[in-house]
PDB file of all heavy atoms in Angstrom:
ATOM      1  N   ALA A   1     -85.189-119.895 -68.557  1.00  0.00           N
ATOM      2  CA  ALA A   1     -84.054-118.989 -68.765  1.00  0.00           C
ATOM      3  C   ALA A   1     -84.511-117.543 -68.769  1.00  0.00           C
ATOM      4  O   ALA A   1     -83.848-116.654 -68.225  1.00  0.00           O
ATOM      5  CB  ALA A   1     -83.351-119.336 -70.078  1.00  0.00           C
ATOM      6  N   GLN A   2     -85.692-117.317 -69.399  1.00  0.00           N
ATOM      7  CA  GLN A   2     -86.220-115.952 -69.446  1.00  0.00           C
ATOM      8  C   GLN A   2     -86.553-115.455 -68.048  1.00  0.00           C
ATOM      9  O   GLN A   2     -86.238-114.323 -67.681  1.00  0.00           O
ATOM     10  CB  GLN A   2     -87.461-115.921 -70.341  1.00  0.00           C
ATOM     11  CG  GLN A   2     -87.983-114.503 -70.589  1.00  0.00           C
ATOM     12  CD  GLN A   2     -89.130-114.508 -71.579  1.00  0.00           C
ATOM     13  OE1 GLN A   2     -89.809-115.512 -71.757  1.00  0.00           O
ATOM     14  NE2 GLN A   2     -89.347-113.391 -72.243  1.00  0.00           N
ATOM     15  N   ARG A   3     -87.234-116.347 -67.271  1.00  0.00           N
ATOM     16  CA  ARG A   3     -87.563-115.958 -65.895  1.00  0.00           C
ATOM     17  C   ARG A   3     -86.307-115.730 -65.071  1.00  0.00           C
ATOM     18  O   ARG A   3     -86.219-114.777 -64.299  1.00  0.00           O
ATOM     19  CB  ARG A   3     -88.428-117.047 -65.250  1.00  0.00           C
ATOM     20  CG  ARG A   3     -89.843-117.146 -65.797  1.00  0.00           C
ATOM     21  CD  ARG A   3     -90.748-117.916 -64.841  1.00  0.00           C
ATOM     22  NE  ARG A   3     -90.216-119.223 -64.502  1.00  0.00           N
ATOM     23  CZ  ARG A   3     -90.437-120.321 -65.202  1.00  0.00           C
ATOM     24  NH1 ARG A   3     -91.177-120.258 -66.303  1.00  0.00           N
ATOM     25  NH2 ARG A   3     -89.940-121.484 -64.817  1.00  0.00           N
ATOM     26  N   SER A   4     -85.314-116.624 -65.256  1.00  0.00           N
ATOM     27  CA  SER A   4     -84.061-116.491 -64.511  1.00  0.00           C
ATOM     28  C   SER A   4     -83.347-115.204 -64.886  1.00  0.00           C
ATOM     29  O   SER A   4     -82.815-114.494 -64.023  1.00  0.00           O
ATOM     30  CB  SER A   4     -83.155-117.689 -64.779  1.00  0.00           C
ATOM     31  OG  SER A   4     -83.751-118.880 -64.329  1.00  0.00           O
ATOM     32  N   GLY A   5     -83.345-114.892 -66.209  1.00  0.00           N
ATOM     33  CA  GLY A   5     -82.702-113.664 -66.664  1.00  0.00           C
ATOM     34  C   GLY A   5     -83.363-112.440 -66.087  1.00  0.00           C
ATOM     35  O   GLY A   5     -82.693-111.488 -65.669  1.00  0.00           O
ATOM     36  N   GLN A   6     -84.703-112.455 -66.042  1.00  0.00           N
ATOM     37  CA  GLN A   6     -85.427-111.329 -65.480  1.00  0.00           C
ATOM     38  C   GLN A   6     -85.172-111.211 -63.988  1.00  0.00           C
ATOM     39  O   GLN A   6     -85.044-110.100 -63.451  1.00  0.00           O
ATOM     40  CB  GLN A   6     -86.919-111.497 -65.740  1.00  0.00           C
ATOM     41  CG  GLN A   6     -87.746-110.284 -65.336  1.00  0.00           C
ATOM     42  CD  GLN A   6     -87.320-109.033 -66.070  1.00  0.00           C
ATOM     43  OE1 GLN A   6     -87.186-109.025 -67.288  1.00  0.00           O
ATOM     44  NE2 GLN A   6     -87.090-107.957 -65.323  1.00  0.00           N
ATOM     45  N   GLN A   7     -85.074-112.347 -63.314  1.00  0.00           N
ATOM     46  CA  GLN A   7     -84.783-112.336 -61.887  1.00  0.00           C
ATOM     47  C   GLN A   7     -83.412-111.734 -61.603  1.00  0.00           C
ATOM     48  O   GLN A   7     -83.237-110.982 -60.637  1.00  0.00           O
ATOM     49  CB  GLN A   7     -84.865-113.758 -61.332  1.00  0.00           C
ATOM     50  CG  GLN A   7     -86.280-114.297 -61.234  1.00  0.00           C
ATOM     51  CD  GLN A   7     -86.337-115.769 -60.868  1.00  0.00           C
ATOM     52  OE1 GLN A   7     -85.308-116.443 -60.843  1.00  0.00           O
ATOM     53  NE2 GLN A   7     -87.525-116.282 -60.596  1.00  0.00           N
ATOM     54  N   VAL A   8     -82.447-112.079 -62.470  1.00  0.00           N
ATOM     55  CA  VAL A   8     -81.100-111.515 -62.319  1.00  0.00           C
ATOM     56  C   VAL A   8     -81.147-110.002 -62.507  1.00  0.00           C
ATOM     57  O   VAL A   8     -80.536-109.240 -61.742  1.00  0.00           O
ATOM     58  CB  VAL A   8     -80.125-112.156 -63.330  1.00  0.00           C
ATOM     59  CG1 VAL A   8     -78.804-111.391 -63.350  1.00  0.00           C
ATOM     60  CG2 VAL A   8     -79.878-113.612 -62.971  1.00  0.00           C
ATOM     61  N   LYS A   9     -81.891-109.540 -63.534  1.00  0.00           N
ATOM     62  CA  LYS A   9     -82.014-108.103 -63.785  1.00  0.00           C
ATOM     63  C   LYS A   9     -82.676-107.397 -62.604  1.00  0.00           C
ATOM     64  O   LYS A   9     -82.246-106.317 -62.192  1.00  0.00           O
ATOM     65  CB  LYS A   9     -82.822-107.868 -65.059  1.00  0.00           C
ATOM     66  CG  LYS A   9     -82.110-108.267 -66.343  1.00  0.00           C
ATOM     67  CD  LYS A   9     -83.003-108.038 -67.552  1.00  0.00           C
ATOM     68  CE  LYS A   9     -82.321-108.516 -68.820  1.00  0.00           C
ATOM     69  NZ  LYS A   9     -83.205-108.356 -70.005  1.00  0.00           N
ATOM     70  N   ASP A  10     -83.735-108.013 -62.083  1.00  0.00           N
ATOM     71  CA  ASP A  10     -84.436-107.411 -60.949  1.00  0.00           C
ATOM     72  C   ASP A  10     -83.535-107.336 -59.718  1.00  0.00           C
ATOM     73  O   ASP A  10     -83.532-106.325 -58.995  1.00  0.00           O
ATOM     74  CB  ASP A  10     -85.693-108.222 -60.622  1.00  0.00           C
ATOM     75  CG  ASP A  10     -86.756-108.120 -61.709  1.00  0.00           C
ATOM     76  OD1 ASP A  10     -86.655-107.203 -62.538  1.00  0.00           O
ATOM     77  OD2 ASP A  10     -87.659-108.970 -61.730  1.00  0.00           O
ATOM     78  N   ALA A  11     -82.763-108.405 -59.495  1.00  0.00           N
ATOM     79  CA  ALA A  11     -81.859-108.428 -58.339  1.00  0.00           C
ATOM     80  C   ALA A  11     -80.763-107.379 -58.495  1.00  0.00           C
ATOM     81  O   ALA A  11     -80.406-106.691 -57.525  1.00  0.00           O
ATOM     82  CB  ALA A  11     -81.241-109.819 -58.191  1.00  0.00           C
ATOM     83  N   LYS A  12     -80.243-107.242 -59.709  1.00  0.00           N
ATOM     84  CA  LYS A  12     -79.186-106.258 -59.947  1.00  0.00           C
ATOM     85  C   LYS A  12     -79.719-104.844 -59.754  1.00  0.00           C
ATOM     86  O   LYS A  12     -79.055-103.988 -59.163  1.00  0.00           O
ATOM     87  CB  LYS A  12     -78.633-106.426 -61.362  1.00  0.00           C
ATOM     88  CG  LYS A  12     -77.495-105.472 -61.694  1.00  0.00           C
ATOM     89  CD  LYS A  12     -76.968-105.685 -63.103  1.00  0.00           C
ATOM     90  CE  LYS A  12     -76.171-106.958 -63.206  1.00  0.00           C
ATOM     91  NZ  LYS A  12     -75.498-107.062 -64.530  1.00  0.00           N
ATOM     92  N   LYS A  13     -80.930-104.578 -60.251  1.00  0.00           N
ATOM     93  CA  LYS A  13     -81.521-103.248 -60.085  1.00  0.00           C
ATOM     94  C   LYS A  13     -81.727-102.934 -58.605  1.00  0.00           C
ATOM     95  O   LYS A  13     -81.447-101.816 -58.156  1.00  0.00           O
ATOM     96  CB  LYS A  13     -82.846-103.160 -60.835  1.00  0.00           C
ATOM     97  CG  LYS A  13     -83.469-101.761 -60.792  1.00  0.00           C
ATOM     98  CD  LYS A  13     -84.761-101.699 -61.576  1.00  0.00           C
ATOM     99  CE  LYS A  13     -85.279-100.262 -61.628  1.00  0.00           C
ATOM    100  NZ  LYS A  13     -85.431 -99.642 -60.320  1.00  0.00           N
ATOM    101  N   ALA A  14     -82.221-103.924 -57.871  1.00  0.00           N
ATOM    102  CA  ALA A  14     -82.438-103.712 -56.439  1.00  0.00           C
ATOM    103  C   ALA A  14     -81.127-103.409 -55.726  1.00  0.00           C
ATOM    104  O   ALA A  14     -81.061-102.548 -54.840  1.00  0.00           O
ATOM    105  CB  ALA A  14     -83.095-104.955 -55.827  1.00  0.00           C
ATOM    106  N   LEU A  15     -80.064-104.091 -56.149  1.00  0.00           N
ATOM    107  CA  LEU A  15     -78.754-103.864 -55.550  1.00  0.00           C
ATOM    108  C   LEU A  15     -78.260-102.459 -55.874  1.00  0.00           C
ATOM    109  O   LEU A  15     -77.791-101.735 -54.987  1.00  0.00           O
ATOM    110  CB  LEU A  15     -77.760-104.909 -56.068  1.00  0.00           C
ATOM    111  CG  LEU A  15     -76.346-104.859 -55.474  1.00  0.00           C
ATOM    112  CD1 LEU A  15     -76.380-105.194 -53.992  1.00  0.00           C
ATOM    113  CD2 LEU A  15     -75.429-105.834 -56.208  1.00  0.00           C
ATOM    114  N   TYR A  16     -78.363-102.064 -57.134  1.00  0.00           N
ATOM    115  CA  TYR A  16     -77.892-100.744 -57.558  1.00  0.00           C
ATOM    116  C   TYR A  16     -78.668 -99.621 -56.886  1.00  0.00           C
ATOM    117  O   TYR A  16     -78.141 -98.517 -56.718  1.00  0.00           O
ATOM    118  CB  TYR A  16     -78.001-100.615 -59.080  1.00  0.00           C
ATOM    119  CG  TYR A  16     -76.786-101.105 -59.831  1.00  0.00           C
ATOM    120  CD1 TYR A  16     -76.314-102.400 -59.655  1.00  0.00           C
ATOM    121  CD2 TYR A  16     -76.100-100.278 -60.716  1.00  0.00           C
ATOM    122  CE1 TYR A  16     -75.210-102.863 -60.331  1.00  0.00           C
ATOM    123  CE2 TYR A  16     -74.987-100.736 -61.401  1.00  0.00           C
ATOM    124  CZ  TYR A  16     -74.548-102.030 -61.206  1.00  0.00           C
ATOM    125  OH  TYR A  16     -73.431-102.487 -61.877  1.00  0.00           O
ATOM    126  N   ASP A  17     -79.913 -99.895 -56.528  1.00  0.00           N
ATOM    127  CA  ASP A  17     -80.742 -98.866 -55.897  1.00  0.00           C
ATOM    128  C   ASP A  17     -80.556 -98.809 -54.384  1.00  0.00           C
ATOM    129  O   ASP A  17     -81.086 -97.902 -53.737  1.00  0.00           O
ATOM    130  CB  ASP A  17     -82.229 -99.119 -56.204  1.00  0.00           C
ATOM    131  CG  ASP A  17     -82.567 -98.860 -57.672  1.00  0.00           C
ATOM    132  OD1 ASP A  17     -81.771 -98.177 -58.338  1.00  0.00           O
ATOM    133  OD2 ASP A  17     -83.612 -99.357 -58.134  1.00  0.00           O
ATOM    134  N   ASP A  18     -79.823 -99.736 -53.831  1.00  0.00           N
ATOM    135  CA  ASP A  18     -79.639 -99.799 -52.385  1.00  0.00           C
ATOM    136  C   ASP A  18     -78.628 -98.741 -51.932  1.00  0.00           C
ATOM    137  O   ASP A  18     -77.471 -98.769 -52.349  1.00  0.00           O
ATOM    138  CB  ASP A  18     -79.145-101.188 -51.976  1.00  0.00           C
ATOM    139  CG  ASP A  18     -78.912-101.287 -50.480  1.00  0.00           C
ATOM    140  OD1 ASP A  18     -79.886-101.137 -49.722  1.00  0.00           O
ATOM    141  OD2 ASP A  18     -77.751-101.477 -50.068  1.00  0.00           O
ATOM    142  N   PRO A  19     -79.022 -97.790 -51.092  1.00  0.00           N
ATOM    143  CA  PRO A  19     -78.120 -96.702 -50.673  1.00  0.00           C
ATOM    144  C   PRO A  19     -76.840 -97.194 -50.007  1.00  0.00           C
ATOM    145  O   PRO A  19     -75.769 -96.640 -50.236  1.00  0.00           O
ATOM    146  CB  PRO A  19     -78.978 -95.893 -49.699  1.00  0.00           C
ATOM    147  CG  PRO A  19     -80.385 -96.209 -50.082  1.00  0.00           C
ATOM    148  CD  PRO A  19     -80.373 -97.631 -50.532  1.00  0.00           C
ATOM    149  N   LYS A  20     -76.973 -98.221 -49.181  1.00  0.00           N
ATOM    150  CA  LYS A  20     -75.793 -98.747 -48.481  1.00  0.00           C
ATOM    151  C   LYS A  20     -74.781 -99.319 -49.480  1.00  0.00           C
ATOM    152  O   LYS A  20     -73.581 -99.051 -49.389  1.00  0.00           O
ATOM    153  CB  LYS A  20     -76.209 -99.815 -47.473  1.00  0.00           C
ATOM    154  CG  LYS A  20     -75.061-100.375 -46.627  1.00  0.00           C
ATOM    155  CD  LYS A  20     -75.623-101.313 -45.561  1.00  0.00           C
ATOM    156  CE  LYS A  20     -74.511-101.836 -44.631  1.00  0.00           C
ATOM    157  NZ  LYS A  20     -73.585-102.735 -45.327  1.00  0.00           N
ATOM    158  N   TRP A  21     -75.283-100.107 -50.433  1.00  0.00           N
ATOM    159  CA  TRP A  21     -74.401-100.693 -51.443  1.00  0.00           C
ATOM    160  C   TRP A  21     -73.751 -99.599 -52.285  1.00  0.00           C
ATOM    161  O   TRP A  21     -72.554 -99.674 -52.600  1.00  0.00           O
ATOM    162  CB  TRP A  21     -75.191-101.649 -52.336  1.00  0.00           C
ATOM    163  CG  TRP A  21     -74.342-102.345 -53.353  1.00  0.00           C
ATOM    164  CD1 TRP A  21     -73.663-103.517 -53.206  1.00  0.00           C
ATOM    165  CD2 TRP A  21     -74.074-101.893 -54.686  1.00  0.00           C
ATOM    166  NE1 TRP A  21     -72.971-103.825 -54.357  1.00  0.00           N
ATOM    167  CE2 TRP A  21     -73.205-102.851 -55.285  1.00  0.00           C
ATOM    168  CE3 TRP A  21     -74.464-100.789 -55.433  1.00  0.00           C
ATOM    169  CZ2 TRP A  21     -72.749-102.730 -56.603  1.00  0.00           C
ATOM    170  CZ3 TRP A  21     -74.004-100.663 -56.736  1.00  0.00           C
ATOM    171  CH2 TRP A  21     -73.159-101.614 -57.308  1.00  0.00           C
ATOM    172  N   ARG A  22     -74.495 -98.578 -52.653  1.00  0.00           N
ATOM    173  CA  ARG A  22     -73.969 -97.490 -53.482  1.00  0.00           C
ATOM    174  C   ARG A  22     -72.840 -96.756 -52.757  1.00  0.00           C
ATOM    175  O   ARG A  22     -71.835 -96.393 -53.353  1.00  0.00           O
ATOM    176  CB  ARG A  22     -75.093 -96.517 -53.866  1.00  0.00           C
ATOM    177  CG  ARG A  22     -76.135 -97.123 -54.799  1.00  0.00           C
ATOM    178  CD  ARG A  22     -77.230 -96.115 -55.139  1.00  0.00           C
ATOM    179  NE  ARG A  22     -76.717 -95.044 -55.988  1.00  0.00           N
ATOM    180  CZ  ARG A  22     -76.612 -95.126 -57.307  1.00  0.00           C
ATOM    181  NH1 ARG A  22     -76.971 -96.227 -57.944  1.00  0.00           N
ATOM    182  NH2 ARG A  22     -76.159 -94.106 -58.005  1.00  0.00           N
ATOM    183  N   LYS A  23     -73.027 -96.552 -51.462  1.00  0.00           N
ATOM    184  CA  LYS A  23     -72.012 -95.864 -50.674  1.00  0.00           C
ATOM    185  C   LYS A  23     -70.751 -96.724 -50.555  1.00  0.00           C
ATOM    186  O   LYS A  23     -69.629 -96.234 -50.725  1.00  0.00           O
ATOM    187  CB  LYS A  23     -72.563 -95.565 -49.279  1.00  0.00           C
ATOM    188  CG  LYS A  23     -71.682 -94.649 -48.448  1.00  0.00           C
ATOM    189  CD  LYS A  23     -72.079 -93.207 -48.641  1.00  0.00           C
ATOM    190  CE  LYS A  23     -71.349 -92.313 -47.660  1.00  0.00           C
ATOM    191  NZ  LYS A  23     -71.674 -90.888 -47.858  1.00  0.00           N
ATOM    192  N   GLU A  24     -70.946 -98.007 -50.295  1.00  0.00           N
ATOM    193  CA  GLU A  24     -69.805 -98.905 -50.105  1.00  0.00           C
ATOM    194  C   GLU A  24     -69.017 -99.116 -51.391  1.00  0.00           C
ATOM    195  O   GLU A  24     -67.834 -99.451 -51.352  1.00  0.00           O
ATOM    196  CB  GLU A  24     -70.295-100.262 -49.581  1.00  0.00           C
ATOM    197  CG  GLU A  24     -70.809-100.216 -48.148  1.00  0.00           C
ATOM    198  CD  GLU A  24     -71.418-101.539 -47.720  1.00  0.00           C
ATOM    199  OE1 GLU A  24     -71.692-102.384 -48.618  1.00  0.00           O
ATOM    200  OE2 GLU A  24     -71.631-101.722 -46.506  1.00  0.00           O
ATOM    201  N   ASN A  25     -69.666 -98.923 -52.542  1.00  0.00           N
ATOM    202  CA  ASN A  25     -69.015 -99.165 -53.823  1.00  0.00           C
ATOM    203  C   ASN A  25     -68.754 -97.887 -54.615  1.00  0.00           C
ATOM    204  O   ASN A  25     -68.512 -97.943 -55.816  1.00  0.00           O
ATOM    205  CB  ASN A  25     -69.848-100.144 -54.651  1.00  0.00           C
ATOM    206  CG  ASN A  25     -69.798-101.547 -54.098  1.00  0.00           C
ATOM    207  OD1 ASN A  25     -68.886-102.312 -54.366  1.00  0.00           O
ATOM    208  ND2 ASN A  25     -70.790-101.900 -53.280  1.00  0.00           N
ATOM    209  N   TYR A  26     -68.813 -96.757 -53.912  1.00  0.00           N
ATOM    210  CA  TYR A  26     -68.405 -95.465 -54.491  1.00  0.00           C
ATOM    211  C   TYR A  26     -69.188 -95.120 -55.768  1.00  0.00           C
ATOM    212  O   TYR A  26     -68.605 -94.657 -56.763  1.00  0.00           O
ATOM    213  CB  TYR A  26     -66.913 -95.458 -54.819  1.00  0.00           C
ATOM    214  CG  TYR A  26     -66.027 -96.130 -53.815  1.00  0.00           C
ATOM    215  CD1 TYR A  26     -65.104 -97.103 -54.194  1.00  0.00           C
ATOM    216  CD2 TYR A  26     -66.077 -95.808 -52.460  1.00  0.00           C
ATOM    217  CE1 TYR A  26     -64.265 -97.724 -53.282  1.00  0.00           C
ATOM    218  CE2 TYR A  26     -65.246 -96.423 -51.532  1.00  0.00           C
ATOM    219  CZ  TYR A  26     -64.356 -97.386 -51.960  1.00  0.00           C
ATOM    220  OH  TYR A  26     -63.528 -98.003 -51.043  1.00  0.00           O
ATOM    221  N   ILE A  27     -70.490 -95.317 -55.753  1.00  0.00           N
ATOM    222  CA  ILE A  27     -71.276 -95.103 -56.950  1.00  0.00           C
ATOM    223  C   ILE A  27     -71.627 -93.629 -57.121  1.00  0.00           C
ATOM    224  O   ILE A  27     -72.046 -92.964 -56.178  1.00  0.00           O
ATOM    225  CB  ILE A  27     -72.573 -95.941 -56.910  1.00  0.00           C
ATOM    226  CG1 ILE A  27     -72.241 -97.420 -56.712  1.00  0.00           C
ATOM    227  CG2 ILE A  27     -73.395 -95.726 -58.183  1.00  0.00           C
ATOM    228  CD1 ILE A  27     -71.377 -98.029 -57.801  1.00  0.00           C
ATOM    229  N   ILE A  28     -71.440 -93.129 -58.331  1.00  0.00           N
ATOM    230  CA  ILE A  28     -71.844 -91.781 -58.711  1.00  0.00           C
ATOM    231  C   ILE A  28     -72.886 -91.918 -59.818  1.00  0.00           C
ATOM    232  O   ILE A  28     -72.659 -92.607 -60.813  1.00  0.00           O
ATOM    233  CB  ILE A  28     -70.650 -90.951 -59.234  1.00  0.00           C
ATOM    234  CG1 ILE A  28     -69.553 -90.821 -58.168  1.00  0.00           C
ATOM    235  CG2 ILE A  28     -71.110 -89.574 -59.714  1.00  0.00           C
ATOM    236  CD1 ILE A  28     -69.892 -89.925 -57.022  1.00  0.00           C
ATOM    237  N   ASN A  29     -74.021 -91.255 -59.652  1.00  0.00           N
ATOM    238  CA  ASN A  29     -75.092 -91.335 -60.641  1.00  0.00           C
ATOM    239  C   ASN A  29     -74.596 -90.902 -62.015  1.00  0.00           C
ATOM    240  O   ASN A  29     -73.980 -89.852 -62.160  1.00  0.00           O
ATOM    241  CB  ASN A  29     -76.257 -90.455 -60.198  1.00  0.00           C
ATOM    242  CG  ASN A  29     -77.412 -90.500 -61.166  1.00  0.00           C
ATOM    243  OD1 ASN A  29     -77.464 -89.733 -62.115  1.00  0.00           O
ATOM    244  ND2 ASN A  29     -78.343 -91.410 -60.925  1.00  0.00           N
ATOM    245  N   ARG A  30     -74.886 -91.722 -63.019  1.00  0.00           N
ATOM    246  CA  ARG A  30     -74.364 -91.460 -64.353  1.00  0.00           C
ATOM    247  C   ARG A  30     -74.971 -90.195 -64.975  1.00  0.00           C
ATOM    248  O   ARG A  30     -74.279 -89.401 -65.623  1.00  0.00           O
ATOM    249  CB  ARG A  30     -74.616 -92.656 -65.274  1.00  0.00           C
ATOM    250  CG  ARG A  30     -73.851 -92.522 -66.575  1.00  0.00           C
ATOM    251  CD  ARG A  30     -74.282 -93.513 -67.634  1.00  0.00           C
ATOM    252  NE  ARG A  30     -73.520 -93.255 -68.836  1.00  0.00           N
ATOM    253  CZ  ARG A  30     -73.750 -92.253 -69.663  1.00  0.00           C
ATOM    254  NH1 ARG A  30     -74.736 -91.411 -69.422  1.00  0.00           N
ATOM    255  NH2 ARG A  30     -72.993 -92.081 -70.732  1.00  0.00           N
ATOM    256  N   ASP A  31     -76.272 -89.998 -64.811  1.00  0.00           N
ATOM    257  CA  ASP A  31     -76.919 -88.805 -65.373  1.00  0.00           C
ATOM    258  C   ASP A  31     -76.347 -87.535 -64.745  1.00  0.00           C
ATOM    259  O   ASP A  31     -76.171 -86.517 -65.428  1.00  0.00           O
ATOM    260  CB  ASP A  31     -78.434 -88.862 -65.151  1.00  0.00           C
ATOM    261  CG  ASP A  31     -79.092 -89.950 -65.997  1.00  0.00           C
ATOM    262  OD1 ASP A  31     -78.466 -90.395 -66.980  1.00  0.00           O
ATOM    263  OD2 ASP A  31     -80.222 -90.358 -65.665  1.00  0.00           O
ATOM    264  N   SER A  32     -76.060 -87.600 -63.459  1.00  0.00           N
ATOM    265  CA  SER A  32     -75.451 -86.444 -62.784  1.00  0.00           C
ATOM    266  C   SER A  32     -74.060 -86.180 -63.334  1.00  0.00           C
ATOM    267  O   SER A  32     -73.663 -85.023 -63.527  1.00  0.00           O
ATOM    268  CB  SER A  32     -75.371 -86.704 -61.276  1.00  0.00           C
ATOM    269  OG  SER A  32     -76.649 -86.872 -60.719  1.00  0.00           O
ATOM    270  N   ALA A  33     -73.309 -87.247 -63.613  1.00  0.00           N
ATOM    271  CA  ALA A  33     -71.958 -87.105 -64.155  1.00  0.00           C
ATOM    272  C   ALA A  33     -71.987 -86.502 -65.551  1.00  0.00           C
ATOM    273  O   ALA A  33     -71.105 -85.722 -65.922  1.00  0.00           O
ATOM    274  CB  ALA A  33     -71.266 -88.469 -64.185  1.00  0.00           C
ATOM    275  N   TYR A  34     -73.000 -86.856 -66.329  1.00  0.00           N
ATOM    276  CA  TYR A  34     -73.118 -86.288 -67.680  1.00  0.00           C
ATOM    277  C   TYR A  34     -73.474 -84.804 -67.624  1.00  0.00           C
ATOM    278  O   TYR A  34     -73.006 -84.006 -68.431  1.00  0.00           O
ATOM    279  CB  TYR A  34     -74.180 -87.051 -68.482  1.00  0.00           C
ATOM    280  CG  TYR A  34     -74.416 -86.475 -69.854  1.00  0.00           C
ATOM    281  CD1 TYR A  34     -73.477 -86.644 -70.871  1.00  0.00           C
ATOM    282  CD2 TYR A  34     -75.575 -85.746 -70.136  1.00  0.00           C
ATOM    283  CE1 TYR A  34     -73.690 -86.094 -72.133  1.00  0.00           C
ATOM    284  CE2 TYR A  34     -75.787 -85.203 -71.384  1.00  0.00           C
ATOM    285  CZ  TYR A  34     -74.838 -85.384 -72.389  1.00  0.00           C
ATOM    286  OH  TYR A  34     -75.037 -84.840 -73.636  1.00  0.00           O
ATOM    287  N   ALA A  35     -74.283 -84.434 -66.642  1.00  0.00           N
ATOM    288  CA  ALA A  35     -74.756 -83.049 -66.545  1.00  0.00           C
ATOM    289  C   ALA A  35     -73.742 -82.111 -65.912  1.00  0.00           C
ATOM    290  O   ALA A  35     -73.786 -80.896 -66.132  1.00  0.00           O
ATOM    291  CB  ALA A  35     -76.058 -83.004 -65.742  1.00  0.00           C
ATOM    292  N   ASN A  36     -72.803 -82.647 -65.112  1.00  0.00           N
ATOM    293  CA  ASN A  36     -71.889 -81.806 -64.329  1.00  0.00           C
ATOM    294  C   ASN A  36     -70.473 -82.372 -64.429  1.00  0.00           C
ATOM    295  O   ASN A  36     -70.220 -83.490 -63.986  1.00  0.00           O
ATOM    296  CB  ASN A  36     -72.355 -81.790 -62.867  1.00  0.00           C
ATOM    297  CG  ASN A  36     -71.520 -80.894 -61.982  1.00  0.00           C
ATOM    298  OD1 ASN A  36     -70.317 -80.753 -62.163  1.00  0.00           O
ATOM    299  ND2 ASN A  36     -72.145 -80.295 -60.982  1.00  0.00           N
ATOM    300  N   PRO A  37     -69.514 -81.605 -64.982  1.00  0.00           N
ATOM    301  CA  PRO A  37     -68.152 -82.135 -65.161  1.00  0.00           C
ATOM    302  C   PRO A  37     -67.438 -82.447 -63.847  1.00  0.00           C
ATOM    303  O   PRO A  37     -66.560 -83.315 -63.804  1.00  0.00           O
ATOM    304  CB  PRO A  37     -67.431 -81.027 -65.928  1.00  0.00           C
ATOM    305  CG  PRO A  37     -68.200 -79.777 -65.628  1.00  0.00           C
ATOM    306  CD  PRO A  37     -69.625 -80.225 -65.489  1.00  0.00           C
ATOM    307  N   TYR A  38     -67.808 -81.758 -62.772  1.00  0.00           N
ATOM    308  CA  TYR A  38     -67.184 -82.033 -61.480  1.00  0.00           C
ATOM    309  C   TYR A  38     -67.691 -83.356 -60.904  1.00  0.00           C
ATOM    310  O   TYR A  38     -66.939 -84.072 -60.240  1.00  0.00           O
ATOM    311  CB  TYR A  38     -67.432 -80.871 -60.514  1.00  0.00           C
ATOM    312  CG  TYR A  38     -66.689 -79.625 -60.933  1.00  0.00           C
ATOM    313  CD1 TYR A  38     -67.294 -78.681 -61.762  1.00  0.00           C
ATOM    314  CD2 TYR A  38     -65.370 -79.405 -60.536  1.00  0.00           C
ATOM    315  CE1 TYR A  38     -66.600 -77.542 -62.181  1.00  0.00           C
ATOM    316  CE2 TYR A  38     -64.677 -78.282 -60.948  1.00  0.00           C
ATOM    317  CZ  TYR A  38     -65.292 -77.362 -61.772  1.00  0.00           C
ATOM    318  OH  TYR A  38     -64.596 -76.257 -62.195  1.00  0.00           O
ATOM    319  N   TYR A  39     -68.946 -83.683 -61.168  1.00  0.00           N
ATOM    320  CA  TYR A  39     -69.469 -84.997 -60.791  1.00  0.00           C
ATOM    321  C   TYR A  39     -68.851 -86.079 -61.674  1.00  0.00           C
ATOM    322  O   TYR A  39     -68.598 -87.197 -61.210  1.00  0.00           O
ATOM    323  CB  TYR A  39     -70.985 -85.026 -60.906  1.00  0.00           C
ATOM    324  CG  TYR A  39     -71.713 -84.102 -59.959  1.00  0.00           C
ATOM    325  CD1 TYR A  39     -73.064 -83.809 -60.149  1.00  0.00           C
ATOM    326  CD2 TYR A  39     -71.068 -83.511 -58.879  1.00  0.00           C
ATOM    327  CE1 TYR A  39     -73.747 -82.969 -59.285  1.00  0.00           C
ATOM    328  CE2 TYR A  39     -71.740 -82.660 -58.011  1.00  0.00           C
ATOM    329  CZ  TYR A  39     -73.085 -82.388 -58.220  1.00  0.00           C
ATOM    330  OH  TYR A  39     -73.755 -81.552 -57.360  1.00  0.00           O
ATOM    331  N   ALA A  40     -68.636 -85.745 -62.953  1.00  0.00           N
ATOM    332  CA  ALA A  40     -67.995 -86.696 -63.865  1.00  0.00           C
ATOM    333  C   ALA A  40     -66.593 -87.036 -63.381  1.00  0.00           C
ATOM    334  O   ALA A  40     -66.154 -88.199 -63.430  1.00  0.00           O
ATOM    335  CB  ALA A  40     -67.943 -86.106 -65.273  1.00  0.00           C
TER     336      ALA A  40
END
């Protein structure tokens, strides 16, 4: 279960870091949104 959980986390991180996926899902970086109200 621990290995499976870590694998899920690793897969999710890889997905979130993928530029194509981020573009297709309208992702805005959270740190940028906190720093800039227009990005928020």
